[in-house]
Amino acid sequence: MTSPEREYTSVTRIAGPLMAVSGVGDAAYGEVVEVRLPDGERRLGQVLESRLDLAVIQVFGGTGDLDTEATAVRFTGEPLRMAVSPEILGRTFDGAGRPADRGGAVIPEEVREIAGASINPTARLYPEDCIETGISAIDVMNTLVRGQKLPVFSAAGLPHSRLAAQIARQARVLGEDDEFAIVFGAMGITAEEERFFLGEFEETGALEHAVLFVNRADDPAIERIVTPRCALTAAEYLAFSLGMHVLVILQDITTYCEALREVSAAREEVPARRGYPGYMYTDLASIFERAGRIRGQKGSITQLPIISMPDDDITHPVPDLTGYITEGQIVLSRDLHRKGVYPPIDVLPSLSRLMPGGIGAGKTREDHGAVSDQLYAAYARGRRLESLIAVIGEEGLTPIDRLYMQFAERFENEFVGQGAAGGRGITAGLDLAWDLLSAFPDEELRRIDPALIAVHARRESG
């Protein structure tokens, strides 16, 4: 490591958010540097690359007003760290982990590297406990399990910000009395979105058990690279030092990847798909894999990252690579949004791969899995019939077909479209599902055991 006393004025090049310093032979990757501007202002930076007699530094705060002749760089010999303590709950920080409210500096109980530590695969516990979000399209159809990483695939103009705030307000660990916390990391959001999130957290009281990290659109893009890592460092402290169950919401991972692309272009690296760096998969994995449960630890980290899909393209590199790392996806639908359905979650392409381990008797309810399967099958058939009508017309539908058409409409408007006024618990969601399925004769409920039908089904009179 470099001695903290060594300072260099040999800045040779500035390109975008990067700065090259010559004559440095012992800089370490990830080492924090202090950049002193000609007017005395100081900014932090981080070593991105170290070669023979050359260090490439990413500067937090931008490089637009730096001068190669009069800028000094001091190498601290330390990686980027963050102070954590129980008092971070209820606090708001900027994208680089600096206090952004009036609470002053955090008095540290620990100072942790934001890079985190890898979880030994043999120490991981399989996620098996449900987190109730209050959103039936998630809780009943695509259940979020404690320790899971389940992204939300959205697009421009869809209400993912509103959904993220609602989940942060309503989420709780089902059947647990342990403390629950939200860590919210926002990257590249507008000032209007910032006011919305802060207002939501403060007005609903959710801020008391939350930690917010906010990187705005007018903040340096380079800070977005450290924002999710600061958020996850706070989450790891709350989960594995204080024993809390933590839900981490990261919005928006696509803007994070665009910051990666900007840095990669400044380094003149050979681009991969659509200009993104070839190491983006590994970089995203270093974020997503910090979720989980650890054997012998009381707490847990669950991730719900928001992924915006440019041009509604689910094959775009960011959602595509995310799908390989995470355990499913929640997909927002533009068609449902146009119909006025909120939240506009399309349950057909959505999936929670860990759902079977988190539901059932003793966890949610014994009929949960069967009801979810039956809802999916009935809704899928109703959607197929909508396409068929364009060919054969409504006159060609059988009475049973009409029941499925009516079910699909009610499912979208009553079950999925629950509104933003309040959450709906899993038990209430399952009861509503039985009400919708009661329109079918028993022989159509092929995915539900007859014994469960006898216990739970409620038939409409007449």
Protein backbone atom coordinates (compact mmCIF):
# COMPACT_ATOMS: atom_id res chain seq x y z
CA MET A 1 0.00 0.00 0.00
CA THR A 2 1.04 3.56 -0.61
CA SER A 3 2.16 5.74 2.27
CA PRO A 4 -0.53 8.29 3.23
CA GLU A 5 2.15 10.98 3.12
CA ARG A 6 2.89 10.63 -0.60
CA GLU A 7 1.35 13.26 -2.85
CA TYR A 8 1.63 13.66 -6.61
CA THR A 9 1.10 16.60 -8.97
CA SER A 10 1.90 14.59 -12.09
CA VAL A 11 -1.60 14.46 -13.56
CA THR A 12 -1.08 13.63 -17.23
CA ARG A 13 -4.59 13.16 -18.59
CA ILE A 14 -8.24 13.77 -17.74
CA ALA A 15 -10.93 11.93 -19.72
CA GLY A 16 -14.53 11.94 -18.58
CA PRO A 17 -14.64 10.83 -14.92
CA LEU A 18 -11.10 9.44 -15.07
CA MET A 19 -7.72 10.95 -14.32
CA ALA A 20 -4.27 9.48 -15.01
CA VAL A 21 -1.35 10.14 -12.65
CA SER A 22 2.19 9.23 -13.71
CA GLY A 23 5.12 8.29 -11.52
CA VAL A 24 3.01 6.11 -9.21
CA GLY A 25 4.47 2.64 -8.91
CA ASP A 26 2.71 1.19 -5.88
CA ALA A 27 -0.96 2.14 -6.10
CA ALA A 28 -3.42 -0.61 -5.18
CA TYR A 29 -6.67 -1.39 -6.97
CA GLY A 30 -9.59 0.18 -5.11
CA GLU A 31 -7.35 2.46 -3.05
CA VAL A 32 -8.91 5.77 -2.01
CA VAL A 33 -7.22 8.97 -3.13
CA GLU A 34 -7.80 12.60 -2.19
CA VAL A 35 -7.84 15.05 -5.09
CA ARG A 36 -6.98 18.66 -4.24
CA LEU A 37 -8.19 21.27 -6.73
CA PRO A 38 -6.38 24.57 -7.39
CA ASP A 39 -8.94 26.47 -5.27
CA GLY A 40 -8.36 24.17 -2.30
CA GLU A 41 -11.50 22.04 -2.74
CA ARG A 42 -10.97 18.36 -2.00
CA ARG A 43 -12.65 15.40 -3.67
CA LEU A 44 -12.39 11.69 -3.20
CA GLY A 45 -11.37 9.26 -5.89
CA GLN A 46 -10.57 5.58 -6.23
CA VAL A 47 -7.82 3.76 -8.08
CA LEU A 48 -9.37 1.92 -11.01
CA GLU A 49 -6.20 0.66 -12.63
CA SER A 50 -2.55 0.47 -11.62
CA ARG A 51 0.23 -0.04 -14.15
CA LEU A 52 3.98 0.48 -14.10
CA ASP A 53 4.45 4.12 -13.02
CA LEU A 54 0.81 5.00 -13.82
CA ALA A 55 -2.44 5.04 -11.84
CA VAL A 56 -5.89 5.56 -13.36
CA ILE A 57 -8.31 7.16 -10.90
CA GLN A 58 -12.07 7.57 -11.00
CA VAL A 59 -12.98 10.89 -9.39
CA PHE A 60 -16.17 11.28 -7.37
CA GLY A 61 -17.61 14.72 -7.95
CA GLY A 62 -16.62 15.07 -11.59
CA THR A 63 -13.50 16.25 -13.40
CA GLY A 64 -14.87 19.17 -15.41
CA ASP A 65 -13.00 21.82 -13.41
CA LEU A 66 -9.74 19.94 -12.82
CA ASP A 67 -6.43 21.33 -14.08
CA THR A 68 -3.63 18.97 -15.04
CA GLU A 69 -1.06 21.56 -14.05
CA ALA A 70 -2.30 22.50 -10.56
CA THR A 71 -4.20 19.43 -9.29
CA ALA A 72 -2.59 17.37 -6.52
CA VAL A 73 -3.42 13.76 -5.70
CA ARG A 74 -2.73 12.09 -2.34
CA PHE A 75 -2.92 8.29 -2.02
CA THR A 76 -4.34 7.22 1.33
CA GLY A 77 -3.33 3.57 1.25
CA GLU A 78 -6.87 2.51 2.26
CA PRO A 79 -9.85 1.06 0.37
CA LEU A 80 -13.17 2.90 0.24
CA ARG A 81 -14.87 2.47 3.61
CA MET A 82 -18.13 3.45 5.27
CA ALA A 83 -18.97 4.15 8.91
CA VAL A 84 -21.88 2.11 10.26
CA SER A 85 -23.73 2.01 13.57
CA PRO A 86 -27.34 1.48 14.74
CA GLU A 87 -27.96 5.20 14.22
CA ILE A 88 -27.90 4.83 10.42
CA LEU A 89 -31.56 3.75 10.67
CA GLY A 90 -33.76 6.69 9.78
CA ARG A 91 -30.91 8.45 7.98
CA THR A 92 -30.47 9.64 4.38
CA PHE A 93 -27.09 9.55 2.62
CA ASP A 94 -25.87 10.62 -0.79
CA GLY A 95 -24.71 8.15 -3.42
CA ALA A 96 -21.20 7.97 -1.95
CA GLY A 97 -22.39 7.27 1.60
CA ARG A 98 -22.03 10.82 2.96
CA PRO A 99 -24.83 12.14 5.23
CA ALA A 100 -27.40 14.07 3.17
CA ASP A 101 -29.75 15.01 6.01
CA ARG A 102 -29.29 17.18 9.09
CA GLY A 103 -28.17 14.33 11.32
CA GLY A 104 -24.46 15.05 11.04
CA ALA A 105 -21.69 12.51 10.64
CA VAL A 106 -22.28 8.93 11.77
CA ILE A 107 -20.43 8.03 14.96
CA PRO A 108 -19.04 4.68 13.83
CA GLU A 109 -19.41 1.44 15.68
CA GLU A 110 -17.59 -0.16 12.76
CA VAL A 111 -15.90 1.09 9.61
CA ARG A 112 -16.43 -1.38 6.77
CA GLU A 113 -15.08 -1.72 3.24
CA ILE A 114 -17.93 -1.12 0.79
CA ALA A 115 -16.70 -3.96 -1.44
CA GLY A 116 -18.07 -6.38 1.14
CA ALA A 117 -17.00 -9.97 1.61
CA SER A 118 -18.03 -12.99 -0.40
CA ILE A 119 -20.43 -15.40 1.29
CA ASN A 120 -19.01 -18.89 1.43
CA PRO A 121 -21.44 -21.06 -0.60
CA THR A 122 -21.26 -23.81 2.02
CA ALA A 123 -22.36 -21.31 4.68
CA ARG A 124 -25.47 -20.22 2.79
CA LEU A 125 -28.87 -21.31 4.03
CA TYR A 126 -31.60 -22.06 1.49
CA PRO A 127 -34.22 -19.26 1.50
CA GLU A 128 -37.41 -20.69 2.99
CA ASP A 129 -39.33 -17.88 4.71
CA CYS A 130 -41.82 -15.60 3.01
CA ILE A 131 -41.64 -11.80 2.93
CA GLU A 132 -45.09 -10.26 2.58
CA THR A 133 -45.05 -7.21 0.30
CA GLY A 134 -48.78 -6.46 0.45
CA ILE A 135 -48.97 -6.89 -3.36
CA SER A 136 -51.09 -9.96 -4.21
CA ALA A 137 -49.58 -10.43 -7.68
CA ILE A 138 -46.27 -10.94 -5.87
CA ASP A 139 -47.33 -12.53 -2.57
CA VAL A 140 -49.76 -15.08 -4.00
CA MET A 141 -48.38 -15.63 -7.51
CA ASN A 142 -44.62 -14.94 -7.26
CA THR A 143 -43.78 -15.04 -3.57
CA LEU A 144 -40.67 -13.20 -2.38
CA VAL A 145 -38.61 -15.36 -0.02
CA ARG A 146 -36.23 -14.10 2.65
CA GLY A 147 -32.68 -14.21 1.28
CA GLN A 148 -33.81 -14.13 -2.36
CA LYS A 149 -32.86 -11.69 -5.12
CA LEU A 150 -35.96 -10.99 -7.21
CA PRO A 151 -35.71 -8.14 -9.77
CA VAL A 152 -38.58 -6.03 -11.09
CA PHE A 153 -38.39 -5.59 -14.88
CA SER A 154 -39.99 -2.29 -15.85
CA ALA A 155 -39.74 0.33 -18.60
CA ALA A 156 -39.97 4.07 -19.13
CA GLY A 157 -43.32 5.50 -18.07
CA LEU A 158 -44.33 2.55 -15.90
CA PRO A 159 -44.94 3.12 -12.17
CA HIS A 160 -41.94 1.19 -10.79
CA SER A 161 -41.04 4.08 -8.46
CA ARG A 162 -44.53 4.06 -7.00
CA LEU A 163 -44.41 0.27 -6.63
CA ALA A 164 -40.98 0.36 -4.96
CA ALA A 165 -42.19 2.97 -2.45
CA GLN A 166 -45.34 0.95 -1.73
CA ILE A 167 -43.37 -2.25 -1.11
CA ALA A 168 -40.95 -0.37 1.15
CA ARG A 169 -43.92 0.89 3.13
CA GLN A 170 -45.77 -2.42 3.41
CA ALA A 171 -43.15 -5.18 3.47
CA ARG A 172 -42.74 -7.42 6.50
CA VAL A 173 -41.36 -10.86 7.30
CA LEU A 174 -44.29 -13.22 7.64
CA GLY A 175 -44.56 -15.01 10.97
CA GLU A 176 -41.44 -13.40 12.47
CA ASP A 177 -41.13 -11.06 15.42
CA ASP A 178 -37.55 -10.12 14.54
CA GLU A 179 -36.72 -6.57 13.52
CA PHE A 180 -37.21 -5.67 9.87
CA ALA A 181 -35.44 -2.89 7.94
CA ILE A 182 -35.45 -1.38 4.46
CA VAL A 183 -32.31 -0.20 2.68
CA PHE A 184 -33.18 1.88 -0.37
CA GLY A 185 -30.50 2.72 -2.94
CA ALA A 186 -31.57 5.17 -5.66
CA MET A 187 -29.29 5.76 -8.65
CA GLY A 188 -29.73 8.54 -11.17
CA ILE A 189 -33.20 9.62 -10.02
CA THR A 190 -34.65 13.05 -10.76
CA ALA A 191 -35.25 15.73 -8.13
CA GLU A 192 -39.00 15.05 -8.45
CA GLU A 193 -38.46 11.34 -7.77
CA GLU A 194 -36.24 12.20 -4.81
CA ARG A 195 -38.98 14.38 -3.30
CA PHE A 196 -41.49 11.60 -3.92
CA PHE A 197 -39.41 8.94 -2.16
CA LEU A 198 -38.42 11.13 0.78
CA GLY A 199 -42.02 12.26 1.18
CA GLU A 200 -43.32 8.68 1.06
CA PHE A 201 -40.83 7.44 3.65
CA GLU A 202 -41.38 10.39 6.00
CA GLU A 203 -45.18 10.63 5.76
CA THR A 204 -45.79 6.91 6.25
CA GLY A 205 -43.25 6.51 9.06
CA ALA A 206 -41.26 3.97 7.03
CA LEU A 207 -38.13 6.11 7.42
CA GLU A 208 -37.83 5.03 11.07
CA HIS A 209 -36.73 1.55 10.00
CA ALA A 210 -35.07 2.51 6.70
CA VAL A 211 -31.72 3.72 5.38
CA LEU A 212 -31.74 5.77 2.16
CA PHE A 213 -28.90 6.30 -0.32
CA VAL A 214 -29.76 8.82 -3.04
CA ASN A 215 -27.71 9.50 -6.16
CA ARG A 216 -29.53 12.08 -8.27
CA ALA A 217 -29.43 12.46 -12.04
CA ASP A 218 -27.37 15.66 -11.72
CA ASP A 219 -24.84 14.01 -9.40
CA PRO A 220 -21.67 12.63 -10.96
CA ALA A 221 -22.43 9.39 -12.78
CA ILE A 222 -19.28 7.87 -11.33
CA GLU A 223 -20.86 7.95 -7.85
CA ARG A 224 -23.52 5.51 -9.09
CA ILE A 225 -20.92 2.78 -9.15
CA VAL A 226 -20.47 2.97 -5.38
CA THR A 227 -24.12 3.66 -4.42
CA PRO A 228 -25.35 0.03 -4.44
CA ARG A 229 -22.20 -1.07 -2.61
CA CYS A 230 -22.74 1.52 0.12
CA ALA A 231 -26.36 0.39 0.43
CA LEU A 232 -25.36 -3.27 0.70
CA THR A 233 -22.64 -2.47 3.24
CA ALA A 234 -25.31 -0.87 5.45
CA ALA A 235 -27.58 -3.89 4.85
CA GLU A 236 -24.85 -6.37 5.80
CA TYR A 237 -24.22 -4.51 9.04
CA LEU A 238 -27.92 -4.43 9.96
CA ALA A 239 -28.41 -8.09 8.99
CA PHE A 240 -25.30 -9.84 10.23
CA SER A 241 -24.21 -7.58 13.10
CA LEU A 242 -27.62 -6.50 14.45
CA GLY A 243 -29.59 -9.62 13.43
CA MET A 244 -32.23 -7.80 11.38
CA HIS A 245 -34.09 -8.98 8.30
CA VAL A 246 -33.26 -6.45 5.59
CA LEU A 247 -34.99 -5.81 2.26
CA VAL A 248 -32.72 -3.94 -0.17
CA ILE A 249 -34.44 -2.06 -2.99
CA LEU A 250 -32.07 -0.77 -5.71
CA GLN A 251 -33.41 1.61 -8.35
CA ASP A 252 -32.35 1.68 -11.12
CA ILE A 253 -29.75 -0.95 -12.00
CA THR A 254 -29.86 0.12 -15.66
CA THR A 255 -28.58 3.60 -14.77
CA TYR A 256 -25.83 1.89 -12.76
CA CYS A 257 -24.85 -0.11 -15.84
CA GLU A 258 -24.83 3.05 -17.95
CA ALA A 259 -22.32 4.52 -15.49
CA LEU A 260 -20.21 1.38 -15.95
CA ARG A 261 -20.40 1.90 -19.71
CA GLU A 262 -19.30 5.53 -19.34
CA VAL A 263 -16.24 4.55 -17.32
CA SER A 264 -15.44 1.73 -19.73
CA ALA A 265 -15.59 4.11 -22.70
CA ALA A 266 -13.31 6.59 -20.90
CA ARG A 267 -10.80 3.76 -20.37
CA GLU A 268 -11.06 2.96 -24.09
CA GLU A 269 -11.93 -0.66 -23.40
CA VAL A 270 -13.20 -2.90 -26.17
CA PRO A 271 -17.00 -2.80 -25.82
CA ALA A 272 -19.27 -5.84 -25.74
CA ARG A 273 -23.03 -5.90 -26.44
CA ARG A 274 -24.47 -2.42 -27.09
CA GLY A 275 -21.31 -0.75 -25.79
CA TYR A 276 -21.49 -2.22 -22.30
CA PRO A 277 -18.24 -3.61 -20.85
CA GLY A 278 -17.58 -7.32 -21.18
CA TYR A 279 -17.22 -7.66 -17.40
CA MET A 280 -20.72 -6.34 -16.67
CA TYR A 281 -22.00 -9.83 -15.78
CA THR A 282 -19.28 -10.26 -13.16
CA ASP A 283 -19.87 -6.75 -11.83
CA LEU A 284 -23.62 -7.31 -11.46
CA ALA A 285 -22.97 -10.65 -9.76
CA SER A 286 -20.77 -8.89 -7.19
CA ILE A 287 -23.87 -6.86 -6.23
CA PHE A 288 -26.65 -9.45 -6.44
CA GLU A 289 -24.72 -12.22 -4.70
CA ARG A 290 -24.48 -10.15 -1.52
CA ALA A 291 -28.08 -11.22 -0.79
CA GLY A 292 -28.78 -14.32 1.25
CA ARG A 293 -28.87 -16.04 4.61
CA ILE A 294 -25.79 -17.33 6.45
CA ARG A 295 -25.70 -20.40 8.63
CA GLY A 296 -25.50 -19.41 12.30
CA GLN A 297 -26.59 -15.80 11.60
CA LYS A 298 -29.99 -14.53 12.68
CA GLY A 299 -30.44 -11.84 10.03
CA SER A 300 -30.89 -11.99 6.27
CA ILE A 301 -30.60 -9.81 3.16
CA THR A 302 -33.24 -9.91 0.43
CA GLN A 303 -32.84 -7.89 -2.76
CA LEU A 304 -35.56 -6.36 -4.94
CA PRO A 305 -33.65 -4.47 -7.67
CA ILE A 306 -35.53 -2.40 -10.26
CA ILE A 307 -34.38 -2.96 -13.86
CA SER A 308 -35.69 -0.59 -16.55
CA MET A 309 -35.77 -2.12 -20.03
CA PRO A 310 -34.89 0.37 -22.81
CA ASP A 311 -37.54 0.20 -25.57
CA ASP A 312 -39.42 -2.42 -23.48
CA ASP A 313 -36.80 -4.94 -24.63
CA ILE A 314 -36.45 -7.81 -22.17
CA THR A 315 -33.50 -9.13 -24.22
CA HIS A 316 -31.52 -5.92 -23.53
CA PRO A 317 -28.12 -6.78 -21.96
CA VAL A 318 -29.02 -5.46 -18.49
CA PRO A 319 -32.25 -7.46 -17.88
CA ASP A 320 -30.81 -10.38 -19.85
CA LEU A 321 -27.69 -10.71 -17.67
CA THR A 322 -29.69 -10.00 -14.53
CA GLY A 323 -31.93 -12.96 -15.30
CA TYR A 324 -28.94 -15.31 -15.28
CA ILE A 325 -27.88 -14.22 -11.79
CA THR A 326 -31.16 -13.72 -9.94
CA GLU A 327 -33.93 -16.14 -8.97
CA GLY A 328 -36.77 -15.02 -11.20
CA GLN A 329 -38.34 -11.69 -12.15
CA ILE A 330 -41.44 -9.54 -11.68
CA VAL A 331 -42.48 -8.04 -15.04
CA LEU A 332 -44.50 -4.82 -15.35
CA SER A 333 -46.84 -4.63 -18.36
CA ARG A 334 -47.45 -1.58 -20.50
CA ASP A 335 -50.75 -3.06 -21.71
CA LEU A 336 -52.06 -3.40 -18.16
CA HIS A 337 -50.83 0.12 -17.38
CA ARG A 338 -52.81 1.46 -20.35
CA LYS A 339 -55.90 -0.30 -18.98
CA GLY A 340 -55.48 1.59 -15.70
CA VAL A 341 -54.46 -1.50 -13.72
CA TYR A 342 -52.16 -0.78 -10.77
CA PRO A 343 -49.76 -2.34 -10.06
CA PRO A 344 -49.47 -3.44 -13.72
CA ILE A 345 -47.75 -6.76 -12.95
CA ASP A 346 -48.02 -9.34 -15.73
CA VAL A 347 -48.03 -12.63 -13.84
CA LEU A 348 -47.51 -14.80 -16.95
CA PRO A 349 -43.84 -13.91 -17.67
CA SER A 350 -43.16 -13.28 -13.98
CA LEU A 351 -41.52 -15.99 -11.90
CA SER A 352 -40.16 -16.60 -8.41
CA ARG A 353 -37.94 -19.69 -8.54
CA LEU A 354 -37.68 -19.94 -4.75
CA MET A 355 -41.43 -19.60 -4.14
CA PRO A 356 -42.07 -23.34 -3.49
CA GLY A 357 -39.73 -23.31 -0.48
CA GLY A 358 -41.42 -20.29 1.13
CA ILE A 359 -45.10 -21.21 0.96
CA GLY A 360 -47.45 -23.94 2.13
CA ALA A 361 -48.70 -25.28 5.43
CA GLY A 362 -46.93 -23.75 8.40
CA LYS A 363 -45.55 -20.89 6.28
CA THR A 364 -48.41 -19.22 4.41
CA ARG A 365 -51.39 -21.58 3.90
CA GLU A 366 -51.78 -25.17 2.75
CA ASP A 367 -53.72 -24.16 -0.39
CA HIS A 368 -51.24 -21.50 -1.53
CA GLY A 369 -49.32 -23.47 -4.17
CA ALA A 370 -52.40 -25.07 -5.74
CA VAL A 371 -54.36 -21.82 -5.85
CA SER A 372 -51.43 -20.02 -7.47
CA ASP A 373 -51.13 -22.72 -10.15
CA GLN A 374 -54.87 -22.62 -10.85
CA LEU A 375 -54.93 -18.82 -11.11
CA TYR A 376 -52.02 -18.93 -13.55
CA ALA A 377 -53.63 -21.62 -15.73
CA ALA A 378 -57.04 -19.93 -15.80
CA TYR A 379 -55.61 -16.49 -16.58
CA ALA A 380 -53.35 -17.89 -19.31
CA ARG A 381 -56.36 -19.55 -20.97
CA GLY A 382 -58.37 -16.34 -20.73
CA ARG A 383 -55.55 -14.38 -22.39
CA ARG A 384 -55.29 -16.94 -25.21
CA LEU A 385 -59.02 -16.66 -25.83
CA GLU A 386 -58.68 -12.89 -26.18
CA SER A 387 -56.38 -13.51 -29.15
CA LEU A 388 -58.71 -16.18 -30.54
CA ILE A 389 -61.69 -13.81 -30.62
CA ALA A 390 -59.96 -11.77 -33.32
CA VAL A 391 -60.15 -14.87 -35.56
CA ILE A 392 -63.44 -16.61 -34.73
CA GLY A 393 -65.41 -13.81 -33.05
CA GLU A 394 -67.25 -14.04 -29.73
CA GLU A 395 -69.97 -16.18 -31.34
CA GLY A 396 -67.53 -19.08 -31.55
CA LEU A 397 -66.91 -19.19 -27.80
CA THR A 398 -68.38 -21.94 -25.62
CA PRO A 399 -70.02 -21.13 -22.27
CA ILE A 400 -66.87 -22.33 -20.47
CA ASP A 401 -64.74 -20.10 -22.72
CA ARG A 402 -66.86 -17.14 -21.70
CA LEU A 403 -66.25 -17.98 -18.04
CA TYR A 404 -62.50 -17.86 -18.65
CA MET A 405 -62.82 -14.54 -20.47
CA GLN A 406 -64.79 -13.07 -17.57
CA PHE A 407 -62.29 -14.51 -15.10
CA ALA A 408 -59.32 -12.90 -16.92
CA GLU A 409 -61.01 -9.50 -16.78
CA ARG A 410 -61.88 -9.82 -13.08
CA PHE A 411 -58.41 -11.17 -12.29
CA GLU A 412 -56.75 -8.10 -13.82
CA ASN A 413 -59.11 -5.56 -12.30
CA GLU A 414 -59.73 -7.05 -8.84
CA PHE A 415 -56.77 -9.28 -8.02
CA VAL A 416 -53.81 -7.64 -9.81
CA GLY A 417 -55.27 -4.13 -9.84
CA GLN A 418 -55.55 -3.69 -6.09
CA GLY A 419 -54.55 -0.02 -6.12
CA ALA A 420 -52.05 1.85 -3.97
CA ALA A 421 -54.29 2.72 -1.02
CA GLY A 422 -53.15 -0.14 1.18
CA GLY A 423 -51.60 -3.56 1.24
CA ARG A 424 -53.44 -6.83 0.96
CA GLY A 425 -52.16 -9.68 3.13
CA ILE A 426 -51.47 -13.15 1.77
CA THR A 427 -54.51 -14.64 3.53
CA ALA A 428 -56.77 -11.94 2.07
CA GLY A 429 -55.20 -12.48 -1.35
CA LEU A 430 -55.88 -16.23 -1.21
CA ASP A 431 -59.47 -15.63 -0.09
CA LEU A 432 -59.99 -13.27 -3.03
CA ALA A 433 -58.51 -15.90 -5.35
CA TRP A 434 -61.10 -18.44 -4.15
CA ASP A 435 -63.86 -15.88 -4.78
CA LEU A 436 -62.66 -15.48 -8.38
CA LEU A 437 -62.26 -19.23 -8.93
CA SER A 438 -65.72 -19.95 -7.52
CA ALA A 439 -67.19 -18.95 -10.90
CA PHE A 440 -65.88 -22.24 -12.35
CA PRO A 441 -67.42 -25.68 -11.79
CA ASP A 442 -65.26 -28.02 -9.70
CA GLU A 443 -64.18 -30.07 -12.71
CA GLU A 444 -62.41 -27.01 -14.16
CA LEU A 445 -60.24 -26.62 -11.04
CA ARG A 446 -57.91 -29.42 -12.13
CA ARG A 447 -54.82 -28.06 -10.35
CA ILE A 448 -56.42 -28.06 -6.89
CA ASP A 449 -56.93 -31.14 -4.76
CA PRO A 450 -60.68 -31.86 -4.24
CA ALA A 451 -60.09 -31.93 -0.47
CA LEU A 452 -58.84 -28.32 -0.63
CA ILE A 453 -61.81 -27.33 -2.78
CA ALA A 454 -64.18 -28.78 -0.18
CA VAL A 455 -62.51 -26.75 2.58
CA HIS A 456 -61.93 -23.41 0.87
CA ALA A 457 -64.23 -22.98 -2.12
CA ARG A 458 -67.16 -20.59 -1.78
CA ARG A 459 -69.81 -20.91 -4.45
CA GLU A 460 -71.78 -17.93 -5.71
CA SER A 461 -75.45 -18.28 -4.90
CA GLY A 462 -77.62 -19.10 -7.90
